[in-house]
């Protein structure tokens, strides 16, 4: 399986990102996990996006 990634529009499987760092982070996690045989669905992308956004916000706010 190949991952549907649009670098220019910052979308993964149709999920839009507004932060390049979050986009790259989710892309890396998905790609790494797919090497191990995991097949993500759109809900997985959305959950990873939310998780990374939340963690980044927590770190920024101390």
Protein backbone atom coordinates (compact mmCIF):
# COMPACT_ATOMS: atom_id res chain seq x y z
CA UNK A 1 0.00 0.00 0.00
CA UNK A 2 1.16 3.52 -0.72
CA UNK A 3 0.22 6.45 1.45
CA UNK A 4 -1.82 9.20 -0.25
CA UNK A 5 0.29 12.28 0.57
CA UNK A 6 0.01 15.68 -1.09
CA UNK A 7 3.06 17.68 -0.01
CA UNK A 8 1.97 20.90 -1.68
CA UNK A 9 -1.48 20.98 -0.07
CA UNK A 10 -0.28 19.28 3.13
CA UNK A 11 -2.84 16.48 3.10
CA UNK A 12 -2.54 12.85 4.09
CA UNK A 13 -5.37 10.58 2.92
CA UNK A 14 -7.43 13.75 2.42
CA UNK A 15 -6.81 15.06 5.96
CA UNK A 16 -5.65 18.70 5.74
CA UNK A 17 -2.84 20.02 7.92
CA UNK A 18 -2.14 23.70 8.57
CA UNK A 19 1.16 23.19 10.37
CA UNK A 20 4.08 21.77 8.36
CA UNK A 21 5.72 20.32 11.47
CA UNK A 22 2.56 18.39 12.39
CA UNK A 23 2.17 17.24 8.77
CA UNK A 24 5.70 15.87 8.65
CA UNK A 25 5.37 14.27 12.08
CA UNK A 26 2.21 12.38 11.20
CA UNK A 27 3.65 11.41 7.81
CA UNK A 28 6.77 10.00 9.51
CA UNK A 29 4.78 8.00 12.08
CA UNK A 30 2.48 6.57 9.42
CA UNK A 31 5.33 5.69 7.07
CA UNK A 32 7.38 4.05 9.80
CA UNK A 33 4.43 2.00 11.02
CA UNK A 34 3.47 0.95 7.50
CA UNK A 35 6.93 -0.56 7.06
CA UNK A 36 5.97 -2.87 9.92
CA UNK A 37 2.78 -3.90 8.11
CA UNK A 38 0.20 -1.53 9.57
CA UNK A 39 -2.45 -0.25 7.12
CA UNK A 40 -3.82 3.10 8.35
CA UNK A 41 -7.30 4.45 7.70
CA UNK A 42 -8.44 8.08 7.60
CA UNK A 43 -9.53 7.91 11.26
CA UNK A 44 -5.95 6.95 12.21
CA UNK A 45 -4.59 10.01 10.39
CA UNK A 46 -7.12 12.25 12.16
CA UNK A 47 -6.26 10.78 15.57
CA UNK A 48 -2.50 11.16 15.01
CA UNK A 49 -3.03 14.73 13.82
CA UNK A 50 -4.97 15.57 16.99
CA UNK A 51 -2.42 13.81 19.22
CA UNK A 52 0.56 15.65 17.72
CA UNK A 53 -1.29 18.99 17.81
CA UNK A 54 -2.19 18.47 21.48
CA UNK A 55 1.36 17.47 22.48
CA UNK A 56 2.92 20.40 20.60
CA UNK A 57 0.46 22.81 22.24
CA UNK A 58 1.19 21.38 25.70
CA UNK A 59 4.93 21.77 25.18
CA UNK A 60 4.55 25.35 23.96
CA UNK A 61 2.35 26.32 26.92
CA UNK A 62 4.54 24.65 29.49
